[in-house]
């Protein structure tokens, strides 16, 4: 069975949540079959080349000569009644195609949307929880925090670029939140792993959800495994890597996954 073609979405509104995070709300007439409860899931965003408009007819026809730019993002919200798909974009430097597009996105702009895939939920049956990541993982971590049981306890460690990027998060009161400020995310640092290691290891079964820059996430994953976490309750994903384009990073990520399998 062939996969369905990408959806065509248009921008309804766009605004900044913080200096380095911009929310874009998309809409379309035909979203009734869009899957609910898929916040935190990845999808493919299909963008026009710089200075061009997305060729909808060519996209629908699968015309290989008019390929869009494809980037991977996280579904933040889906509002069925309003027919809205919400995506939060990290505005980073140097800016990539998606970051550049989001910075100037305005109502009426058109993109393609393929997916979403399976949600990336933490195991909520655990006794306590640990989240860690940089701003690229903030949308998925925020979505996970919102679906934790009210009695949940644990820690969230988030690395952001500036004090102004400390956005409000909906979370259980038992989840302690620690912010790490890193104004130069393109420079390697151990600030995130060091802060994670400072959090007390609680009793019972732990579940962890960590994502962000690949080098930092590998260190955190190693620490968690050394601490005895059940690998079935560990989600660790490198979303990007210092010095690599997304295309190259995805190739390296597949190699790492094959090596660990």
C-alpha atoms as a PDB file:
ATOM      1  CA  UNK A   1       0.000   0.000   0.000  1.00  0.00           C
ATOM      2  CA  UNK A   2       1.412   3.373  -0.993  1.00  0.00           C
ATOM      3  CA  UNK A   3       1.770   6.116   1.557  1.00  0.00           C
ATOM      4  CA  UNK A   4      -0.701   8.993   1.354  1.00  0.00           C
ATOM      5  CA  UNK A   5       0.646  12.179  -0.138  1.00  0.00           C
ATOM      6  CA  UNK A   6       1.589  15.152   2.036  1.00  0.00           C
ATOM      7  CA  UNK A   7      -1.073  17.482   3.332  1.00  0.00           C
ATOM      8  CA  UNK A   8      -1.062  21.076   2.189  1.00  0.00           C
ATOM      9  CA  UNK A   9      -1.259  23.474   5.135  1.00  0.00           C
ATOM     10  CA  UNK A  10      -1.387  27.256   5.211  1.00  0.00           C
ATOM     11  CA  UNK A  11      -0.228  29.558   7.976  1.00  0.00           C
ATOM     12  CA  UNK A  12      -3.081  30.897  10.110  1.00  0.00           C
ATOM     13  CA  UNK A  13      -0.937  32.929  12.486  1.00  0.00           C
ATOM     14  CA  UNK A  14       2.671  33.129  13.692  1.00  0.00           C
ATOM     15  CA  UNK A  15       4.191  34.760  16.763  1.00  0.00           C
ATOM     16  CA  UNK A  16       7.217  34.524  19.041  1.00  0.00           C
ATOM     17  CA  UNK A  17       6.961  32.621  22.322  1.00  0.00           C
ATOM     18  CA  UNK A  18      10.431  33.858  23.269  1.00  0.00           C
ATOM     19  CA  UNK A  19      13.417  35.443  21.489  1.00  0.00           C
ATOM     20  CA  UNK A  20      14.445  32.053  20.070  1.00  0.00           C
ATOM     21  CA  UNK A  21      11.152  30.154  19.777  1.00  0.00           C
ATOM     22  CA  UNK A  22       8.450  30.998  17.258  1.00  0.00           C
ATOM     23  CA  UNK A  23       5.028  29.364  17.126  1.00  0.00           C
ATOM     24  CA  UNK A  24       3.350  28.838  13.772  1.00  0.00           C
ATOM     25  CA  UNK A  25      -0.301  27.783  13.663  1.00  0.00           C
ATOM     26  CA  UNK A  26      -1.285  26.019  10.448  1.00  0.00           C
ATOM     27  CA  UNK A  27      -4.732  25.210   9.127  1.00  0.00           C
ATOM     28  CA  UNK A  28      -6.406  23.334   6.285  1.00  0.00           C
ATOM     29  CA  UNK A  29      -9.956  22.479   5.274  1.00  0.00           C
ATOM     30  CA  UNK A  30      -9.347  18.728   5.321  1.00  0.00           C
ATOM     31  CA  UNK A  31      -7.974  17.812   8.743  1.00  0.00           C
ATOM     32  CA  UNK A  32     -10.829  15.625  10.000  1.00  0.00           C
ATOM     33  CA  UNK A  33      -8.729  12.472   9.603  1.00  0.00           C
ATOM     34  CA  UNK A  34      -5.678  13.954  11.328  1.00  0.00           C
ATOM     35  CA  UNK A  35      -4.722  11.673  14.255  1.00  0.00           C
ATOM     36  CA  UNK A  36      -5.443  12.982  17.737  1.00  0.00           C
ATOM     37  CA  UNK A  37      -3.143  12.610  20.761  1.00  0.00           C
ATOM     38  CA  UNK A  38      -0.003  12.678  18.602  1.00  0.00           C
ATOM     39  CA  UNK A  39       1.669  15.645  20.267  1.00  0.00           C
ATOM     40  CA  UNK A  40       5.429  14.935  20.544  1.00  0.00           C
ATOM     41  CA  UNK A  41       5.390  12.957  17.282  1.00  0.00           C
ATOM     42  CA  UNK A  42       7.784  13.767  14.463  1.00  0.00           C
ATOM     43  CA  UNK A  43       6.645  14.808  11.008  1.00  0.00           C
ATOM     44  CA  UNK A  44       8.256  15.985   7.789  1.00  0.00           C
ATOM     45  CA  UNK A  45       7.867  19.651   6.927  1.00  0.00           C
ATOM     46  CA  UNK A  46       8.088  20.386   3.201  1.00  0.00           C
ATOM     47  CA  UNK A  47       9.249  23.917   2.478  1.00  0.00           C
ATOM     48  CA  UNK A  48       9.761  25.918  -0.709  1.00  0.00           C
ATOM     49  CA  UNK A  49      13.331  26.816  -1.687  1.00  0.00           C
ATOM     50  CA  UNK A  50      14.380  30.303  -0.492  1.00  0.00           C
ATOM     51  CA  UNK A  51      12.622  33.056  -2.406  1.00  0.00           C
ATOM     52  CA  UNK A  52      10.113  30.687  -3.995  1.00  0.00           C
ATOM     53  CA  UNK A  53       6.591  29.459  -3.368  1.00  0.00           C
ATOM     54  CA  UNK A  54       5.736  25.821  -2.768  1.00  0.00           C
ATOM     55  CA  UNK A  55       4.626  24.244  -6.043  1.00  0.00           C
ATOM     56  CA  UNK A  56       1.472  22.550  -4.796  1.00  0.00           C
ATOM     57  CA  UNK A  57       0.591  20.891  -8.104  1.00  0.00           C
ATOM     58  CA  UNK A  58       4.087  19.446  -8.493  1.00  0.00           C
ATOM     59  CA  UNK A  59       4.095  18.296  -4.866  1.00  0.00           C
ATOM     60  CA  UNK A  60       0.748  16.544  -5.241  1.00  0.00           C
ATOM     61  CA  UNK A  61       1.920  14.892  -8.455  1.00  0.00           C
ATOM     62  CA  UNK A  62       5.207  13.738  -6.936  1.00  0.00           C
ATOM     63  CA  UNK A  63       7.237  15.678  -9.489  1.00  0.00           C
ATOM     64  CA  UNK A  64      10.876  14.866  -8.690  1.00  0.00           C
ATOM     65  CA  UNK A  65      12.125  17.929 -10.560  1.00  0.00           C
ATOM     66  CA  UNK A  66      10.435  20.293  -8.111  1.00  0.00           C
ATOM     67  CA  UNK A  67      11.523  18.843  -4.795  1.00  0.00           C
ATOM     68  CA  UNK A  68      10.829  20.911  -1.664  1.00  0.00           C
ATOM     69  CA  UNK A  69      13.240  21.267   1.246  1.00  0.00           C
ATOM     70  CA  UNK A  70      12.398  18.609   3.849  1.00  0.00           C
ATOM     71  CA  UNK A  71      13.020  19.007   7.570  1.00  0.00           C
ATOM     72  CA  UNK A  72      11.919  17.038  10.643  1.00  0.00           C
ATOM     73  CA  UNK A  73       9.840  18.758  13.326  1.00  0.00           C
ATOM     74  CA  UNK A  74       7.664  17.964  16.340  1.00  0.00           C
ATOM     75  CA  UNK A  75       3.892  18.275  16.515  1.00  0.00           C
ATOM     76  CA  UNK A  76       3.111  20.561  19.463  1.00  0.00           C
ATOM     77  CA  UNK A  77      -0.692  20.690  19.329  1.00  0.00           C
ATOM     78  CA  UNK A  78      -3.574  19.577  17.160  1.00  0.00           C
ATOM     79  CA  UNK A  79      -6.941  21.281  17.690  1.00  0.00           C
ATOM     80  CA  UNK A  80      -9.608  19.316  15.837  1.00  0.00           C
ATOM     81  CA  UNK A  81     -12.493  21.781  16.168  1.00  0.00           C
ATOM     82  CA  UNK A  82     -10.369  24.737  15.085  1.00  0.00           C
ATOM     83  CA  UNK A  83      -8.603  22.655  12.402  1.00  0.00           C
ATOM     84  CA  UNK A  84      -5.242  23.830  13.680  1.00  0.00           C
ATOM     85  CA  UNK A  85      -1.831  22.186  13.643  1.00  0.00           C
ATOM     86  CA  UNK A  86       0.657  23.942  15.944  1.00  0.00           C
ATOM     87  CA  UNK A  87       4.432  23.782  15.485  1.00  0.00           C
ATOM     88  CA  UNK A  88       7.132  25.550  17.521  1.00  0.00           C
ATOM     89  CA  UNK A  89      10.303  26.510  15.626  1.00  0.00           C
ATOM     90  CA  UNK A  90      13.693  27.158  17.182  1.00  0.00           C
ATOM     91  CA  UNK A  91      15.161  30.365  15.764  1.00  0.00           C
ATOM     92  CA  UNK A  92      18.860  29.595  15.744  1.00  0.00           C
ATOM     93  CA  UNK A  93      22.080  30.831  14.199  1.00  0.00           C
ATOM     94  CA  UNK A  94      23.355  29.972  11.722  1.00  0.00           C
ATOM     95  CA  UNK A  95      19.787  29.725  10.475  1.00  0.00           C
ATOM     96  CA  UNK A  96      18.776  26.702   8.438  1.00  0.00           C
ATOM     97  CA  UNK A  97      16.003  26.629   5.816  1.00  0.00           C
ATOM     98  CA  UNK A  98      13.210  25.932   8.314  1.00  0.00           C
ATOM     99  CA  UNK A  99      14.389  28.465  10.882  1.00  0.00           C
ATOM    100  CA  UNK A 100      14.704  31.118   8.173  1.00  0.00           C
ATOM    101  CA  UNK A 101      11.247  30.303   6.848  1.00  0.00           C
ATOM    102  CA  UNK A 102       9.623  30.397  10.295  1.00  0.00           C
ATOM    103  CA  UNK A 103      11.204  33.743  11.186  1.00  0.00           C
ATOM    104  CA  UNK A 104       9.209  35.459   8.440  1.00  0.00           C
ATOM    105  CA  UNK A 105       6.183  33.144   8.228  1.00  0.00           C
ATOM    106  CA  UNK A 106       2.924  35.020   7.718  1.00  0.00           C
ATOM    107  CA  UNK A 107      -0.750  34.134   7.202  1.00  0.00           C
ATOM    108  CA  UNK A 108      -1.329  32.509   3.837  1.00  0.00           C
ATOM    109  CA  UNK A 109       2.130  30.970   3.453  1.00  0.00           C
ATOM    110  CA  UNK A 110       1.886  27.344   2.324  1.00  0.00           C
ATOM    111  CA  UNK A 111       3.871  24.244   3.344  1.00  0.00           C
ATOM    112  CA  UNK A 112       3.612  20.498   2.938  1.00  0.00           C
ATOM    113  CA  UNK A 113       3.139  18.198   5.942  1.00  0.00           C
ATOM    114  CA  UNK A 114       3.930  14.460   5.873  1.00  0.00           C
ATOM    115  CA  UNK A 115       3.028  12.431   8.949  1.00  0.00           C
ATOM    116  CA  UNK A 116       2.850  12.518  11.893  1.00  0.00           C
ATOM    117  CA  UNK A 117       4.651   9.391  13.035  1.00  0.00           C
ATOM    118  CA  UNK A 118       4.200   7.697  16.377  1.00  0.00           C
ATOM    119  CA  UNK A 119       4.120   9.924  19.479  1.00  0.00           C
ATOM    120  CA  UNK A 120       7.304   9.980  21.537  1.00  0.00           C
ATOM    121  CA  UNK A 121       5.737   9.550  24.979  1.00  0.00           C
ATOM    122  CA  UNK A 122       7.616   8.760  28.166  1.00  0.00           C
ATOM    123  CA  UNK A 123       6.574   5.609  30.049  1.00  0.00           C
ATOM    124  CA  UNK A 124       4.039   7.016  32.517  1.00  0.00           C
ATOM    125  CA  UNK A 125       3.955   3.782  34.551  1.00  0.00           C
ATOM    126  CA  UNK A 126       7.366   4.598  36.069  1.00  0.00           C
ATOM    127  CA  UNK A 127       7.826   5.681  39.679  1.00  0.00           C
ATOM    128  CA  UNK A 128       9.625   8.885  38.731  1.00  0.00           C
ATOM    129  CA  UNK A 129      10.689  10.806  35.644  1.00  0.00           C
ATOM    130  CA  UNK A 130      13.668  12.614  34.182  1.00  0.00           C
ATOM    131  CA  UNK A 131      13.530  14.923  31.171  1.00  0.00           C
ATOM    132  CA  UNK A 132      16.527  16.690  29.675  1.00  0.00           C
ATOM    133  CA  UNK A 133      17.165  18.555  26.462  1.00  0.00           C
ATOM    134  CA  UNK A 134      17.970  21.779  24.683  1.00  0.00           C
ATOM    135  CA  UNK A 135      15.573  24.115  22.893  1.00  0.00           C
ATOM    136  CA  UNK A 136      15.218  21.794  19.908  1.00  0.00           C
ATOM    137  CA  UNK A 137      13.553  19.290  22.254  1.00  0.00           C
ATOM    138  CA  UNK A 138      11.495  21.814  24.214  1.00  0.00           C
ATOM    139  CA  UNK A 139       8.238  21.281  22.234  1.00  0.00           C
ATOM    140  CA  UNK A 140       8.328  17.504  22.735  1.00  0.00           C
ATOM    141  CA  UNK A 141       9.312  17.765  26.393  1.00  0.00           C
ATOM    142  CA  UNK A 142       6.528  20.291  27.005  1.00  0.00           C
ATOM    143  CA  UNK A 143       4.010  17.930  25.392  1.00  0.00           C
ATOM    144  CA  UNK A 144       5.220  15.054  27.574  1.00  0.00           C
ATOM    145  CA  UNK A 145       5.029  17.099  30.757  1.00  0.00           C
ATOM    146  CA  UNK A 146       1.419  17.980  29.989  1.00  0.00           C
ATOM    147  CA  UNK A 147       0.330  14.333  29.880  1.00  0.00           C
ATOM    148  CA  UNK A 148       2.048  13.126  33.062  1.00  0.00           C
ATOM    149  CA  UNK A 149      -0.184  12.017  35.944  1.00  0.00           C
ATOM    150  CA  UNK A 150      -0.787  14.743  38.520  1.00  0.00           C
ATOM    151  CA  UNK A 151       1.118  12.831  41.206  1.00  0.00           C
ATOM    152  CA  UNK A 152       4.250  12.487  39.027  1.00  0.00           C
ATOM    153  CA  UNK A 153       7.616  13.361  40.557  1.00  0.00           C
ATOM    154  CA  UNK A 154      11.067  13.858  39.113  1.00  0.00           C
ATOM    155  CA  UNK A 155      13.164  16.390  37.265  1.00  0.00           C
ATOM    156  CA  UNK A 156      13.289  18.399  34.069  1.00  0.00           C
ATOM    157  CA  UNK A 157      16.545  20.016  32.943  1.00  0.00           C
ATOM    158  CA  UNK A 158      16.259  22.388  29.992  1.00  0.00           C
ATOM    159  CA  UNK A 159      19.065  24.218  28.235  1.00  0.00           C
ATOM    160  CA  UNK A 160      17.999  27.506  26.640  1.00  0.00           C
ATOM    161  CA  UNK A 161      19.864  30.278  24.883  1.00  0.00           C
ATOM    162  CA  UNK A 162      18.815  33.181  27.121  1.00  0.00           C
ATOM    163  CA  UNK A 163      16.927  34.015  30.310  1.00  0.00           C
ATOM    164  CA  UNK A 164      14.051  35.263  28.153  1.00  0.00           C
ATOM    165  CA  UNK A 165      13.683  31.775  26.658  1.00  0.00           C
ATOM    166  CA  UNK A 166      12.408  30.371  29.965  1.00  0.00           C
ATOM    167  CA  UNK A 167       8.849  29.861  28.740  1.00  0.00           C
ATOM    168  CA  UNK A 168       6.029  28.818  31.104  1.00  0.00           C
ATOM    169  CA  UNK A 169       5.468  25.052  31.188  1.00  0.00           C
ATOM    170  CA  UNK A 170       2.441  23.092  32.348  1.00  0.00           C
ATOM    171  CA  UNK A 171       3.687  20.288  34.595  1.00  0.00           C
ATOM    172  CA  UNK A 172       2.872  18.397  37.797  1.00  0.00           C
ATOM    173  CA  UNK A 173       4.061  20.176  40.932  1.00  0.00           C
ATOM    174  CA  UNK A 174       6.276  17.207  41.782  1.00  0.00           C
ATOM    175  CA  UNK A 175       8.433  17.725  38.696  1.00  0.00           C
ATOM    176  CA  UNK A 176      11.299  20.070  39.593  1.00  0.00           C
ATOM    177  CA  UNK A 177      12.415  22.330  36.734  1.00  0.00           C
ATOM    178  CA  UNK A 178      16.008  23.500  36.287  1.00  0.00           C
ATOM    179  CA  UNK A 179      17.065  25.876  33.526  1.00  0.00           C
ATOM    180  CA  UNK A 180      20.576  25.937  32.058  1.00  0.00           C
ATOM    181  CA  UNK A 181      21.592  29.053  30.112  1.00  0.00           C
ATOM    182  CA  UNK A 182      23.883  28.437  27.142  1.00  0.00           C
ATOM    183  CA  UNK A 183      24.174  31.488  24.861  1.00  0.00           C
ATOM    184  CA  UNK A 184      26.444  29.587  22.451  1.00  0.00           C
ATOM    185  CA  UNK A 185      24.742  26.267  21.618  1.00  0.00           C
ATOM    186  CA  UNK A 186      27.086  25.755  18.651  1.00  0.00           C
ATOM    187  CA  UNK A 187      29.989  25.329  21.085  1.00  0.00           C
ATOM    188  CA  UNK A 188      30.378  21.961  22.883  1.00  0.00           C
ATOM    189  CA  UNK A 189      29.645  22.131  26.606  1.00  0.00           C
ATOM    190  CA  UNK A 190      29.027  19.750  29.502  1.00  0.00           C
ATOM    191  CA  UNK A 191      26.549  22.077  31.200  1.00  0.00           C
ATOM    192  CA  UNK A 192      23.522  19.897  30.441  1.00  0.00           C
ATOM    193  CA  UNK A 193      25.019  16.558  31.494  1.00  0.00           C
ATOM    194  CA  UNK A 194      26.556  18.142  34.609  1.00  0.00           C
ATOM    195  CA  UNK A 195      23.187  19.512  35.697  1.00  0.00           C
ATOM    196  CA  UNK A 196      21.482  16.180  35.024  1.00  0.00           C
ATOM    197  CA  UNK A 197      24.071  14.405  37.178  1.00  0.00           C
ATOM    198  CA  UNK A 198      23.378  16.833  40.029  1.00  0.00           C
ATOM    199  CA  UNK A 199      19.764  15.679  40.332  1.00  0.00           C
ATOM    200  CA  UNK A 200      19.256  13.088  43.106  1.00  0.00           C
ATOM    201  CA  UNK A 201      18.549   9.574  41.861  1.00  0.00           C
ATOM    202  CA  UNK A 202      15.194   8.637  43.367  1.00  0.00           C
ATOM    203  CA  UNK A 203      14.037   5.200  44.428  1.00  0.00           C
ATOM    204  CA  UNK A 204      11.932   2.886  42.295  1.00  0.00           C
ATOM    205  CA  UNK A 205      11.742   2.582  38.534  1.00  0.00           C
ATOM    206  CA  UNK A 206      12.856   5.639  36.579  1.00  0.00           C
ATOM    207  CA  UNK A 207      11.780   6.675  33.092  1.00  0.00           C
ATOM    208  CA  UNK A 208      13.853   9.161  31.117  1.00  0.00           C
ATOM    209  CA  UNK A 209      13.213  11.209  28.000  1.00  0.00           C
ATOM    210  CA  UNK A 210      16.222  13.109  26.633  1.00  0.00           C
ATOM    211  CA  UNK A 211      16.831  14.785  23.279  1.00  0.00           C
ATOM    212  CA  UNK A 212      18.865  17.563  21.720  1.00  0.00           C
ATOM    213  CA  UNK A 213      22.404  17.961  20.397  1.00  0.00           C
ATOM    214  CA  UNK A 214      23.797  14.492  19.661  1.00  0.00           C
ATOM    215  CA  UNK A 215      27.082  14.851  21.536  1.00  0.00           C
ATOM    216  CA  UNK A 216      25.343  15.990  24.718  1.00  0.00           C
ATOM    217  CA  UNK A 217      22.628  13.342  24.467  1.00  0.00           C
ATOM    218  CA  UNK A 218      25.152  10.516  24.070  1.00  0.00           C
ATOM    219  CA  UNK A 219      26.759  11.561  27.361  1.00  0.00           C
ATOM    220  CA  UNK A 220      23.417  11.694  29.151  1.00  0.00           C
ATOM    221  CA  UNK A 221      22.354   8.335  27.723  1.00  0.00           C
ATOM    222  CA  UNK A 222      25.610   6.759  28.901  1.00  0.00           C
ATOM    223  CA  UNK A 223      25.133   8.224  32.384  1.00  0.00           C
ATOM    224  CA  UNK A 224      21.560   6.931  32.595  1.00  0.00           C
ATOM    225  CA  UNK A 225      22.559   3.445  31.491  1.00  0.00           C
ATOM    226  CA  UNK A 226      25.416   3.422  34.003  1.00  0.00           C
ATOM    227  CA  UNK A 227      22.890   4.453  36.663  1.00  0.00           C
ATOM    228  CA  UNK A 228      20.908   1.302  35.934  1.00  0.00           C
ATOM    229  CA  UNK A 229      17.875   2.655  34.110  1.00  0.00           C
ATOM    230  CA  UNK A 230      15.811   0.038  32.283  1.00  0.00           C
ATOM    231  CA  UNK A 231      16.469   0.630  28.574  1.00  0.00           C
ATOM    232  CA  UNK A 232      12.784   0.019  27.894  1.00  0.00           C
ATOM    233  CA  UNK A 233      12.046   3.191  29.861  1.00  0.00           C
ATOM    234  CA  UNK A 234      14.726   5.302  28.170  1.00  0.00           C
ATOM    235  CA  UNK A 235      14.084   7.485  25.142  1.00  0.00           C
ATOM    236  CA  UNK A 236      17.225   9.256  23.918  1.00  0.00           C
ATOM    237  CA  UNK A 237      17.480  10.980  20.558  1.00  0.00           C
ATOM    238  CA  UNK A 238      19.992  13.284  18.931  1.00  0.00           C
ATOM    239  CA  UNK A 239      17.974  15.922  17.095  1.00  0.00           C
ATOM    240  CA  UNK A 240      20.965  17.730  15.627  1.00  0.00           C
ATOM    241  CA  UNK A 241      24.758  17.808  15.800  1.00  0.00           C
ATOM    242  CA  UNK A 242      27.235  20.659  16.052  1.00  0.00           C
ATOM    243  CA  UNK A 243      28.926  21.288  12.716  1.00  0.00           C
ATOM    244  CA  UNK A 244      26.553  19.117  10.650  1.00  0.00           C
ATOM    245  CA  UNK A 245      23.659  19.872   8.342  1.00  0.00           C
ATOM    246  CA  UNK A 246      20.449  17.964   9.047  1.00  0.00           C
ATOM    247  CA  UNK A 247      20.936  15.771   5.983  1.00  0.00           C
ATOM    248  CA  UNK A 248      24.406  14.660   7.109  1.00  0.00           C
ATOM    249  CA  UNK A 249      23.254  14.303  10.707  1.00  0.00           C
ATOM    250  CA  UNK A 250      20.404  11.985   9.709  1.00  0.00           C
ATOM    251  CA  UNK A 251      22.869   9.724   7.886  1.00  0.00           C
ATOM    252  CA  UNK A 252      25.146   9.590  10.934  1.00  0.00           C
ATOM    253  CA  UNK A 253      22.176   8.979  13.215  1.00  0.00           C
ATOM    254  CA  UNK A 254      21.112   5.957  11.175  1.00  0.00           C
ATOM    255  CA  UNK A 255      24.658   4.583  11.355  1.00  0.00           C
ATOM    256  CA  UNK A 256      24.677   4.962  15.145  1.00  0.00           C
ATOM    257  CA  UNK A 257      21.300   3.216  15.413  1.00  0.00           C
ATOM    258  CA  UNK A 258      22.508   0.311  13.288  1.00  0.00           C
ATOM    259  CA  UNK A 259      25.666  -0.006  15.384  1.00  0.00           C
ATOM    260  CA  UNK A 260      23.621  -0.242  18.601  1.00  0.00           C
ATOM    261  CA  UNK A 261      21.050  -2.684  17.228  1.00  0.00           C
END
